[in-house]
Amino acid sequence: MTSLRTLVGTAALVGTLAGLPALAQYGGGSGSEMMNPPSGTLYNPQCMMCLSGPSSAEWMGSTGSFHVNQIMSRQTMMSGAMDLRLVLTPTMPVWGQPFSFMPFSDAMTFDPLAPGGQYTVDSGTMNMYGSSMPAGTYYMLLYMRQQMGPMMTAADWIVFPKQVSCDGSGCSALPAETCAENATTMCLIGGRYRITSYWKNQYAGGAISQLFKTTLTGATGAFWLSDGTTYEYLIRINTATDNGRAWIAIPTFTDVEFFVLVEDLVGGQTHLYHNPPGGRELIYDPTTFVYP
């Protein structure tokens, strides 16, 4: 059985979906859901209908399944009807820009959600369309959209860490990517964990900025914005634990709203940590990430 787990990314766009398994065009969006995140980020800090928590997908031949912990409504009004499916796209999607994709699975449909409502999704056995995919290498997305009036509004997606290779008769997962450090990307515990961060400054009209990183040790790093010697917050990953988990600690020196995305490139888990506006408390999580 081929199995994937989510790693990165959410987005919100507007578009239409063609029939299975034909190529569909996905258009750029507009409105409150379309505030652009920092250049290079894959997650959407402004999603109004959001996928969140651990997710997974698996398939064998013409059937398979998918899971996501939450479909959550942040809207102030009742959502439209929704659907959720797996799709393949030949290029990494960029939030706010058009891209093409092919449906890889049948869709689940959901009734509208009230503000603050949520669903947990276990699809059960679904039809999969790997044998219909043209030969090539693809990114795989768990892709959600909602019906708002005459338009289909795709509220969110999650990109899986492993690309999918198809040969015209079936598809299989390729090895997961490796962590590559740069000015804003931190790699800890031998490159197993990739960490990025941005903040939404409530003192500057909600301006969103990608933060820079400084790696301090193999297990500890810091994020900063304007001065590389003045840290806004730290992160430490402790793997010498007694409960089969890596413990995440994020002490902060600021009360600006911020987000820290931690991605386990080996285990395939991901979690987006959030410090709310005015928050000054230690973020501490000893349970989410399975280790080793």
C-alpha atoms as a PDB file:
ATOM      1  CA  MET A   1       0.000   0.000   0.000  1.00  0.00           C
ATOM      2  CA  THR A   2       1.220   3.493  -0.822  1.00  0.00           C
ATOM      3  CA  SER A   3       0.843   5.896   2.111  1.00  0.00           C
ATOM      4  CA  LEU A   4       1.370   9.647   2.524  1.00  0.00           C
ATOM      5  CA  ARG A   5       1.109  12.085   5.400  1.00  0.00           C
ATOM      6  CA  THR A   6       0.690  15.839   5.196  1.00  0.00           C
ATOM      7  CA  LEU A   7       3.605  18.174   5.513  1.00  0.00           C
ATOM      8  CA  VAL A   8       2.949  21.692   4.392  1.00  0.00           C
ATOM      9  CA  GLY A   9       0.633  24.304   3.244  1.00  0.00           C
ATOM     10  CA  THR A  10      -2.796  25.783   3.073  1.00  0.00           C
ATOM     11  CA  ALA A  11      -4.290  28.169   0.570  1.00  0.00           C
ATOM     12  CA  ALA A  12      -7.522  29.840  -0.481  1.00  0.00           C
ATOM     13  CA  LEU A  13      -8.479  30.527  -4.095  1.00  0.00           C
ATOM     14  CA  VAL A  14     -11.430  30.684  -6.477  1.00  0.00           C
ATOM     15  CA  GLY A  15     -11.984  28.338  -9.422  1.00  0.00           C
ATOM     16  CA  THR A  16     -13.918  25.571 -11.114  1.00  0.00           C
ATOM     17  CA  LEU A  17     -13.554  21.799 -11.244  1.00  0.00           C
ATOM     18  CA  ALA A  18     -13.931  19.683 -14.387  1.00  0.00           C
ATOM     19  CA  GLY A  19     -15.124  16.068 -14.466  1.00  0.00           C
ATOM     20  CA  LEU A  20     -13.017  13.105 -13.397  1.00  0.00           C
ATOM     21  CA  PRO A  21     -10.221  12.635 -14.279  1.00  0.00           C
ATOM     22  CA  ALA A  22      -9.855  15.474 -16.803  1.00  0.00           C
ATOM     23  CA  LEU A  23      -7.490  18.381 -16.262  1.00  0.00           C
ATOM     24  CA  ALA A  24      -9.137  21.279 -14.424  1.00  0.00           C
ATOM     25  CA  GLN A  25      -8.100  24.917 -14.387  1.00  0.00           C
ATOM     26  CA  TYR A  26      -7.940  26.662 -11.038  1.00  0.00           C
ATOM     27  CA  GLY A  27      -8.269  30.436 -11.140  1.00  0.00           C
ATOM     28  CA  GLY A  28      -6.866  33.215  -8.972  1.00  0.00           C
ATOM     29  CA  GLY A  29      -9.073  34.614  -6.243  1.00  0.00           C
ATOM     30  CA  SER A  30     -10.216  37.827  -4.643  1.00  0.00           C
ATOM     31  CA  GLY A  31     -11.792  39.077  -1.445  1.00  0.00           C
ATOM     32  CA  SER A  32     -10.975  38.734   2.243  1.00  0.00           C
ATOM     33  CA  GLU A  33      -9.678  35.170   1.849  1.00  0.00           C
ATOM     34  CA  MET A  34      -7.032  36.323  -0.617  1.00  0.00           C
ATOM     35  CA  MET A  35      -4.610  38.323   1.572  1.00  0.00           C
ATOM     36  CA  ASN A  36      -1.235  37.179   0.300  1.00  0.00           C
ATOM     37  CA  PRO A  37       1.045  35.460   2.814  1.00  0.00           C
ATOM     38  CA  PRO A  38       4.789  36.263   2.739  1.00  0.00           C
ATOM     39  CA  SER A  39       6.643  35.353  -0.442  1.00  0.00           C
ATOM     40  CA  GLY A  40       7.584  31.677  -0.483  1.00  0.00           C
ATOM     41  CA  THR A  41       5.137  30.506   2.194  1.00  0.00           C
ATOM     42  CA  LEU A  42       2.682  27.703   1.445  1.00  0.00           C
ATOM     43  CA  TYR A  43       0.250  28.225   4.284  1.00  0.00           C
ATOM     44  CA  ASN A  44      -2.540  30.805   4.361  1.00  0.00           C
ATOM     45  CA  PRO A  45      -2.789  32.862   7.564  1.00  0.00           C
ATOM     46  CA  GLN A  46      -6.144  34.278   6.431  1.00  0.00           C
ATOM     47  CA  CYS A  47      -8.090  31.134   5.504  1.00  0.00           C
ATOM     48  CA  MET A  48     -11.773  31.414   6.376  1.00  0.00           C
ATOM     49  CA  MET A  49     -12.571  27.741   5.750  1.00  0.00           C
ATOM     50  CA  CYS A  50      -9.510  25.869   6.974  1.00  0.00           C
ATOM     51  CA  LEU A  51      -8.040  22.362   6.924  1.00  0.00           C
ATOM     52  CA  SER A  52      -5.956  21.743  10.050  1.00  0.00           C
ATOM     53  CA  GLY A  53      -4.319  19.045  12.142  1.00  0.00           C
ATOM     54  CA  PRO A  54      -2.721  15.739  11.077  1.00  0.00           C
ATOM     55  CA  SER A  55      -3.881  14.402   7.722  1.00  0.00           C
ATOM     56  CA  SER A  56      -3.119  11.283   5.710  1.00  0.00           C
ATOM     57  CA  ALA A  57      -3.939   9.504   2.456  1.00  0.00           C
ATOM     58  CA  GLU A  58      -3.390   5.950   1.272  1.00  0.00           C
ATOM     59  CA  TRP A  59      -4.377   3.896  -1.717  1.00  0.00           C
ATOM     60  CA  MET A  60      -3.938   0.530  -3.380  1.00  0.00           C
ATOM     61  CA  GLY A  61      -4.990   0.167  -6.992  1.00  0.00           C
ATOM     62  CA  SER A  62      -8.412   1.682  -7.632  1.00  0.00           C
ATOM     63  CA  THR A  63      -9.442   2.315  -4.009  1.00  0.00           C
ATOM     64  CA  GLY A  64      -8.072   4.193  -1.005  1.00  0.00           C
ATOM     65  CA  SER A  65      -8.940   6.686   1.711  1.00  0.00           C
ATOM     66  CA  PHE A  66      -7.969  10.004   3.291  1.00  0.00           C
ATOM     67  CA  HIS A  67      -8.225  11.661   6.705  1.00  0.00           C
ATOM     68  CA  VAL A  68      -7.968  15.170   8.131  1.00  0.00           C
ATOM     69  CA  ASN A  69      -8.474  16.163  11.752  1.00  0.00           C
ATOM     70  CA  GLN A  70     -10.457  19.327  11.101  1.00  0.00           C
ATOM     71  CA  ILE A  71     -12.407  21.269   8.544  1.00  0.00           C
ATOM     72  CA  MET A  72     -13.024  24.448  10.512  1.00  0.00           C
ATOM     73  CA  SER A  73     -15.110  27.542   9.752  1.00  0.00           C
ATOM     74  CA  ARG A  74     -13.696  30.946  10.701  1.00  0.00           C
ATOM     75  CA  GLN A  75     -16.421  32.750   8.779  1.00  0.00           C
ATOM     76  CA  THR A  76     -18.937  35.044  10.464  1.00  0.00           C
ATOM     77  CA  MET A  77     -21.806  33.519   8.495  1.00  0.00           C
ATOM     78  CA  MET A  78     -22.974  30.046   7.508  1.00  0.00           C
ATOM     79  CA  SER A  79     -20.620  28.459   4.988  1.00  0.00           C
ATOM     80  CA  GLY A  80     -21.648  27.079   1.644  1.00  0.00           C
ATOM     81  CA  ALA A  81     -21.848  23.345   0.959  1.00  0.00           C
ATOM     82  CA  MET A  82     -18.347  21.823   0.756  1.00  0.00           C
ATOM     83  CA  ASP A  83     -16.501  18.966  -0.865  1.00  0.00           C
ATOM     84  CA  LEU A  84     -13.093  17.415  -0.244  1.00  0.00           C
ATOM     85  CA  ARG A  85     -10.948  15.169  -2.455  1.00  0.00           C
ATOM     86  CA  LEU A  86      -7.372  14.265  -3.390  1.00  0.00           C
ATOM     87  CA  VAL A  87      -5.963  15.959  -6.495  1.00  0.00           C
ATOM     88  CA  LEU A  88      -2.659  15.842  -8.413  1.00  0.00           C
ATOM     89  CA  THR A  89      -0.907  18.835  -9.986  1.00  0.00           C
ATOM     90  CA  PRO A  90       2.328  18.828 -12.041  1.00  0.00           C
ATOM     91  CA  THR A  91       3.696  22.015 -10.415  1.00  0.00           C
ATOM     92  CA  MET A  92       3.791  23.213  -6.818  1.00  0.00           C
ATOM     93  CA  PRO A  93       0.723  25.435  -6.410  1.00  0.00           C
ATOM     94  CA  VAL A  94       1.314  29.047  -5.399  1.00  0.00           C
ATOM     95  CA  TRP A  95      -1.303  30.667  -3.218  1.00  0.00           C
ATOM     96  CA  GLY A  96      -3.286  33.283  -5.134  1.00  0.00           C
ATOM     97  CA  GLN A  97      -2.196  32.121  -8.616  1.00  0.00           C
ATOM     98  CA  PRO A  98      -3.939  29.858 -11.151  1.00  0.00           C
ATOM     99  CA  PHE A  99      -2.861  26.236 -11.490  1.00  0.00           C
ATOM    100  CA  SER A 100      -4.074  23.046 -13.192  1.00  0.00           C
ATOM    101  CA  PHE A 101      -4.900  19.782 -11.441  1.00  0.00           C
ATOM    102  CA  MET A 102      -6.468  16.361 -11.973  1.00  0.00           C
ATOM    103  CA  PRO A 103      -8.857  14.765  -9.448  1.00  0.00           C
ATOM    104  CA  PHE A 104      -7.221  11.660  -7.952  1.00  0.00           C
ATOM    105  CA  SER A 105     -10.178  10.504  -5.831  1.00  0.00           C
ATOM    106  CA  ASP A 106     -13.928  10.833  -5.584  1.00  0.00           C
ATOM    107  CA  ALA A 107     -15.136  13.718  -3.425  1.00  0.00           C
ATOM    108  CA  MET A 108     -16.843  13.704  -0.044  1.00  0.00           C
ATOM    109  CA  THR A 109     -19.587  16.317   0.343  1.00  0.00           C
ATOM    110  CA  PHE A 110     -20.480  18.184   3.533  1.00  0.00           C
ATOM    111  CA  ASP A 111     -23.385  20.273   4.725  1.00  0.00           C
ATOM    112  CA  PRO A 112     -22.739  23.973   5.457  1.00  0.00           C
ATOM    113  CA  LEU A 113     -20.931  24.805   8.696  1.00  0.00           C
ATOM    114  CA  ALA A 114     -22.051  27.418  11.203  1.00  0.00           C
ATOM    115  CA  PRO A 115     -19.429  29.970  12.346  1.00  0.00           C
ATOM    116  CA  GLY A 116     -16.911  28.191  14.577  1.00  0.00           C
ATOM    117  CA  GLY A 117     -18.149  24.750  13.526  1.00  0.00           C
ATOM    118  CA  GLN A 118     -15.905  21.906  12.430  1.00  0.00           C
ATOM    119  CA  TYR A 119     -15.820  18.416  10.928  1.00  0.00           C
ATOM    120  CA  THR A 120     -13.369  15.548  11.428  1.00  0.00           C
ATOM    121  CA  VAL A 121     -13.028  13.573   8.191  1.00  0.00           C
ATOM    122  CA  ASP A 122     -12.392   9.850   7.692  1.00  0.00           C
ATOM    123  CA  SER A 123     -13.385   9.152   4.118  1.00  0.00           C
ATOM    124  CA  GLY A 124     -13.682   5.389   4.296  1.00  0.00           C
ATOM    125  CA  THR A 125     -13.078   3.532   1.022  1.00  0.00           C
ATOM    126  CA  MET A 126     -13.106   5.843  -2.006  1.00  0.00           C
ATOM    127  CA  ASN A 127     -12.539   5.344  -5.726  1.00  0.00           C
ATOM    128  CA  MET A 128      -9.025   6.355  -6.835  1.00  0.00           C
ATOM    129  CA  TYR A 129      -7.994   7.228 -10.394  1.00  0.00           C
ATOM    130  CA  GLY A 130      -4.271   6.441 -10.529  1.00  0.00           C
ATOM    131  CA  SER A 131      -4.676   4.257 -13.610  1.00  0.00           C
ATOM    132  CA  SER A 132      -6.180   7.223 -15.484  1.00  0.00           C
ATOM    133  CA  MET A 133      -3.348   9.649 -14.719  1.00  0.00           C
ATOM    134  CA  PRO A 134      -0.900  10.523 -17.520  1.00  0.00           C
ATOM    135  CA  ALA A 135       2.698   9.439 -16.897  1.00  0.00           C
ATOM    136  CA  GLY A 136       4.634  12.022 -14.886  1.00  0.00           C
ATOM    137  CA  THR A 137       5.552  13.305 -11.424  1.00  0.00           C
ATOM    138  CA  TYR A 138       2.952  15.232  -9.426  1.00  0.00           C
ATOM    139  CA  TYR A 139       2.327  17.048  -6.175  1.00  0.00           C
ATOM    140  CA  MET A 140      -0.596  15.609  -4.243  1.00  0.00           C
ATOM    141  CA  LEU A 141      -3.086  17.847  -2.437  1.00  0.00           C
ATOM    142  CA  LEU A 142      -5.971  17.287  -0.071  1.00  0.00           C
ATOM    143  CA  TYR A 143      -8.214  19.900  -1.645  1.00  0.00           C
ATOM    144  CA  MET A 144     -11.368  21.490  -0.170  1.00  0.00           C
ATOM    145  CA  ARG A 145     -13.800  23.921  -1.751  1.00  0.00           C
ATOM    146  CA  GLN A 146     -17.123  25.440  -0.772  1.00  0.00           C
ATOM    147  CA  GLN A 147     -20.157  26.524  -2.776  1.00  0.00           C
ATOM    148  CA  MET A 148     -20.922  30.234  -2.397  1.00  0.00           C
ATOM    149  CA  GLY A 149     -23.726  31.331  -4.708  1.00  0.00           C
ATOM    150  CA  PRO A 150     -22.997  30.434  -8.358  1.00  0.00           C
ATOM    151  CA  MET A 151     -19.217  30.039  -7.754  1.00  0.00           C
ATOM    152  CA  MET A 152     -17.102  27.268  -6.277  1.00  0.00           C
ATOM    153  CA  THR A 153     -14.686  28.764  -3.750  1.00  0.00           C
ATOM    154  CA  ALA A 154     -11.751  26.523  -2.782  1.00  0.00           C
ATOM    155  CA  ALA A 155     -11.271  27.346   0.856  1.00  0.00           C
ATOM    156  CA  ASP A 156      -8.066  25.435   1.581  1.00  0.00           C
ATOM    157  CA  TRP A 157      -5.572  22.764   0.604  1.00  0.00           C
ATOM    158  CA  ILE A 158      -2.793  20.680   2.194  1.00  0.00           C
ATOM    159  CA  VAL A 159       0.275  19.612   0.186  1.00  0.00           C
ATOM    160  CA  PHE A 160       1.690  16.161   0.981  1.00  0.00           C
ATOM    161  CA  PRO A 161       5.458  15.763   1.609  1.00  0.00           C
ATOM    162  CA  LYS A 162       5.970  13.060  -0.977  1.00  0.00           C
ATOM    163  CA  GLN A 163       5.450  13.590  -4.671  1.00  0.00           C
ATOM    164  CA  VAL A 164       3.567  10.969  -6.671  1.00  0.00           C
ATOM    165  CA  SER A 165       4.966   9.205  -9.747  1.00  0.00           C
ATOM    166  CA  CYS A 166       2.479   7.863 -12.310  1.00  0.00           C
ATOM    167  CA  ASP A 167       3.303   5.608 -15.283  1.00  0.00           C
ATOM    168  CA  GLY A 168      -0.029   5.569 -17.113  1.00  0.00           C
ATOM    169  CA  SER A 169      -1.286   2.446 -15.352  1.00  0.00           C
ATOM    170  CA  GLY A 170      -0.884   3.446 -11.681  1.00  0.00           C
ATOM    171  CA  CYS A 171       0.782   5.840  -9.222  1.00  0.00           C
ATOM    172  CA  SER A 172       3.199   5.451  -6.297  1.00  0.00           C
ATOM    173  CA  ALA A 173       4.799   7.786  -3.750  1.00  0.00           C
ATOM    174  CA  LEU A 174       8.357   9.055  -4.155  1.00  0.00           C
ATOM    175  CA  PRO A 175      10.722   9.521  -1.169  1.00  0.00           C
ATOM    176  CA  ALA A 176      10.057  12.576   1.005  1.00  0.00           C
ATOM    177  CA  GLU A 177      12.030  15.754   0.442  1.00  0.00           C
ATOM    178  CA  THR A 178      14.982  16.804   2.620  1.00  0.00           C
ATOM    179  CA  CYS A 179      15.348  19.977   4.671  1.00  0.00           C
ATOM    180  CA  ALA A 180      17.391  22.777   3.082  1.00  0.00           C
ATOM    181  CA  GLU A 181      18.325  25.735   5.276  1.00  0.00           C
ATOM    182  CA  ASN A 182      18.077  29.303   4.043  1.00  0.00           C
ATOM    183  CA  ALA A 183      17.542  32.723   5.607  1.00  0.00           C
ATOM    184  CA  THR A 184      14.025  31.868   6.805  1.00  0.00           C
ATOM    185  CA  THR A 185      14.095  28.041   7.023  1.00  0.00           C
ATOM    186  CA  MET A 186      15.559  26.234  10.037  1.00  0.00           C
ATOM    187  CA  CYS A 187      16.536  22.529  10.029  1.00  0.00           C
ATOM    188  CA  LEU A 188      16.844  20.830  13.441  1.00  0.00           C
ATOM    189  CA  ILE A 189      17.619  17.308  14.739  1.00  0.00           C
ATOM    190  CA  GLY A 190      19.839  16.388  11.810  1.00  0.00           C
ATOM    191  CA  GLY A 191      17.479  17.972   9.288  1.00  0.00           C
ATOM    192  CA  ARG A 192      14.484  15.889  10.322  1.00  0.00           C
ATOM    193  CA  TYR A 193      12.440  18.937  11.384  1.00  0.00           C
ATOM    194  CA  ARG A 194      11.910  21.944   9.136  1.00  0.00           C
ATOM    195  CA  ILE A 195      10.729  25.121  10.873  1.00  0.00           C
ATOM    196  CA  THR A 196       9.527  28.408   9.378  1.00  0.00           C
ATOM    197  CA  SER A 197       7.705  31.332  10.951  1.00  0.00           C
ATOM    198  CA  TYR A 198       5.817  34.526  10.215  1.00  0.00           C
ATOM    199  CA  TRP A 199       3.999  37.084  12.304  1.00  0.00           C
ATOM    200  CA  LYS A 200       0.956  39.329  11.951  1.00  0.00           C
ATOM    201  CA  ASN A 201       1.808  42.558  13.763  1.00  0.00           C
ATOM    202  CA  GLN A 202      -1.283  43.940  15.456  1.00  0.00           C
ATOM    203  CA  TYR A 203       0.677  47.133  16.211  1.00  0.00           C
ATOM    204  CA  ALA A 204       1.297  47.758  12.485  1.00  0.00           C
ATOM    205  CA  GLY A 205      -2.189  47.282  11.071  1.00  0.00           C
ATOM    206  CA  GLY A 206      -1.872  43.493  10.920  1.00  0.00           C
ATOM    207  CA  ALA A 207       1.173  43.574   8.625  1.00  0.00           C
ATOM    208  CA  ILE A 208       2.400  40.035   7.845  1.00  0.00           C
ATOM    209  CA  SER A 209       6.162  39.432   7.771  1.00  0.00           C
ATOM    210  CA  GLN A 210       8.281  36.320   7.278  1.00  0.00           C
ATOM    211  CA  LEU A 211      10.820  36.070  10.103  1.00  0.00           C
ATOM    212  CA  PHE A 212      14.502  35.251   9.703  1.00  0.00           C
ATOM    213  CA  LYS A 213      16.101  32.362  11.533  1.00  0.00           C
ATOM    214  CA  THR A 214      19.263  31.752  13.517  1.00  0.00           C
ATOM    215  CA  THR A 215      20.196  28.122  14.266  1.00  0.00           C
ATOM    216  CA  LEU A 216      21.769  28.016  17.724  1.00  0.00           C
ATOM    217  CA  THR A 217      22.334  24.267  18.282  1.00  0.00           C
ATOM    218  CA  GLY A 218      21.237  21.058  16.593  1.00  0.00           C
ATOM    219  CA  ALA A 219      18.013  21.194  18.591  1.00  0.00           C
ATOM    220  CA  THR A 220      17.466  24.929  19.191  1.00  0.00           C
ATOM    221  CA  GLY A 221      16.941  28.014  17.067  1.00  0.00           C
ATOM    222  CA  ALA A 222      15.635  31.574  17.158  1.00  0.00           C
ATOM    223  CA  PHE A 223      13.561  33.860  14.949  1.00  0.00           C
ATOM    224  CA  TRP A 224      14.088  37.584  14.421  1.00  0.00           C
ATOM    225  CA  LEU A 225      12.847  40.344  12.133  1.00  0.00           C
ATOM    226  CA  SER A 226      15.082  43.423  11.994  1.00  0.00           C
ATOM    227  CA  ASP A 227      18.116  42.623  14.187  1.00  0.00           C
ATOM    228  CA  GLY A 228      19.909  39.287  14.042  1.00  0.00           C
ATOM    229  CA  THR A 229      21.106  39.707  17.626  1.00  0.00           C
ATOM    230  CA  THR A 230      17.650  40.465  19.047  1.00  0.00           C
ATOM    231  CA  TYR A 231      15.425  37.394  19.029  1.00  0.00           C
ATOM    232  CA  GLU A 232      11.629  37.580  19.045  1.00  0.00           C
ATOM    233  CA  TYR A 233      11.162  33.936  20.106  1.00  0.00           C
ATOM    234  CA  LEU A 234      13.040  30.639  20.318  1.00  0.00           C
ATOM    235  CA  ILE A 235      12.210  27.031  19.507  1.00  0.00           C
ATOM    236  CA  ARG A 236      13.661  23.887  21.074  1.00  0.00           C
ATOM    237  CA  ILE A 237      12.946  20.280  20.053  1.00  0.00           C
ATOM    238  CA  ASN A 238      13.713  17.760  22.797  1.00  0.00           C
ATOM    239  CA  THR A 239      13.999  14.158  21.583  1.00  0.00           C
ATOM    240  CA  ALA A 240      15.465  12.688  24.816  1.00  0.00           C
ATOM    241  CA  THR A 241      12.006  12.009  26.200  1.00  0.00           C
ATOM    242  CA  ASP A 242      10.189   9.127  27.876  1.00  0.00           C
ATOM    243  CA  ASN A 243       6.812   9.114  26.109  1.00  0.00           C
ATOM    244  CA  GLY A 244       7.724   8.352  22.487  1.00  0.00           C
ATOM    245  CA  ARG A 245       7.287  11.979  21.462  1.00  0.00           C
ATOM    246  CA  ALA A 246       9.503  14.912  20.538  1.00  0.00           C
ATOM    247  CA  TRP A 247       8.702  17.835  22.841  1.00  0.00           C
ATOM    248  CA  ILE A 248       8.322  21.283  21.294  1.00  0.00           C
ATOM    249  CA  ALA A 249       8.968  24.410  23.393  1.00  0.00           C
ATOM    250  CA  ILE A 250       8.601  27.962  22.035  1.00  0.00           C
ATOM    251  CA  PRO A 251       9.441  30.679  24.595  1.00  0.00           C
ATOM    252  CA  THR A 252       8.590  34.193  23.422  1.00  0.00           C
ATOM    253  CA  PHE A 253      10.002  37.653  24.034  1.00  0.00           C
ATOM    254  CA  THR A 254       7.183  39.452  22.204  1.00  0.00           C
ATOM    255  CA  ASP A 255       3.413  39.782  22.414  1.00  0.00           C
ATOM    256  CA  VAL A 256       3.005  40.171  18.639  1.00  0.00           C
ATOM    257  CA  GLU A 257       0.815  37.505  17.049  1.00  0.00           C
ATOM    258  CA  PHE A 258       2.987  34.866  15.392  1.00  0.00           C
ATOM    259  CA  PHE A 259       2.873  31.410  13.813  1.00  0.00           C
ATOM    260  CA  VAL A 260       5.564  28.696  13.778  1.00  0.00           C
ATOM    261  CA  LEU A 261       5.241  25.811  11.300  1.00  0.00           C
ATOM    262  CA  VAL A 262       7.060  22.600  12.371  1.00  0.00           C
ATOM    263  CA  GLU A 263       7.323  19.816   9.766  1.00  0.00           C
ATOM    264  CA  ASP A 264       8.643  16.322  10.468  1.00  0.00           C
ATOM    265  CA  LEU A 265      10.149  15.209   7.161  1.00  0.00           C
ATOM    266  CA  VAL A 266      10.645  11.643   8.422  1.00  0.00           C
ATOM    267  CA  GLY A 267       7.366  10.980  10.208  1.00  0.00           C
ATOM    268  CA  GLY A 268       5.304  13.196   7.925  1.00  0.00           C
ATOM    269  CA  GLN A 269       3.589  15.116  10.724  1.00  0.00           C
ATOM    270  CA  THR A 270       3.094  18.865  10.753  1.00  0.00           C
ATOM    271  CA  HIS A 271       1.773  21.413  13.229  1.00  0.00           C
ATOM    272  CA  LEU A 272       1.252  25.178  13.049  1.00  0.00           C
ATOM    273  CA  TYR A 273       1.780  26.776  16.475  1.00  0.00           C
ATOM    274  CA  HIS A 274       0.056  30.094  17.180  1.00  0.00           C
ATOM    275  CA  ASN A 275       0.785  32.881  19.644  1.00  0.00           C
ATOM    276  CA  PRO A 276      -2.341  35.083  19.758  1.00  0.00           C
ATOM    277  CA  PRO A 277      -2.167  38.901  19.804  1.00  0.00           C
ATOM    278  CA  GLY A 278      -0.970  39.950  23.253  1.00  0.00           C
ATOM    279  CA  GLY A 279       0.170  36.426  24.124  1.00  0.00           C
ATOM    280  CA  ARG A 280       3.274  36.100  26.304  1.00  0.00           C
ATOM    281  CA  GLU A 281       2.993  32.479  27.426  1.00  0.00           C
ATOM    282  CA  LEU A 282       5.393  29.629  26.672  1.00  0.00           C
ATOM    283  CA  ILE A 283       4.069  27.391  23.887  1.00  0.00           C
ATOM    284  CA  TYR A 284       4.752  23.827  25.059  1.00  0.00           C
ATOM    285  CA  ASP A 285       3.730  20.637  23.254  1.00  0.00           C
ATOM    286  CA  PRO A 286       4.989  17.252  24.549  1.00  0.00           C
ATOM    287  CA  THR A 287       2.482  15.066  22.690  1.00  0.00           C
ATOM    288  CA  THR A 288       2.008  15.866  18.985  1.00  0.00           C
ATOM    289  CA  PHE A 289       5.194  14.679  17.260  1.00  0.00           C
ATOM    290  CA  VAL A 290       5.924  10.947  17.328  1.00  0.00           C
ATOM    291  CA  TYR A 291       9.638  10.148  17.859  1.00  0.00           C
ATOM    292  CA  PRO A 292      11.566   8.206  16.749  1.00  0.00           C
END
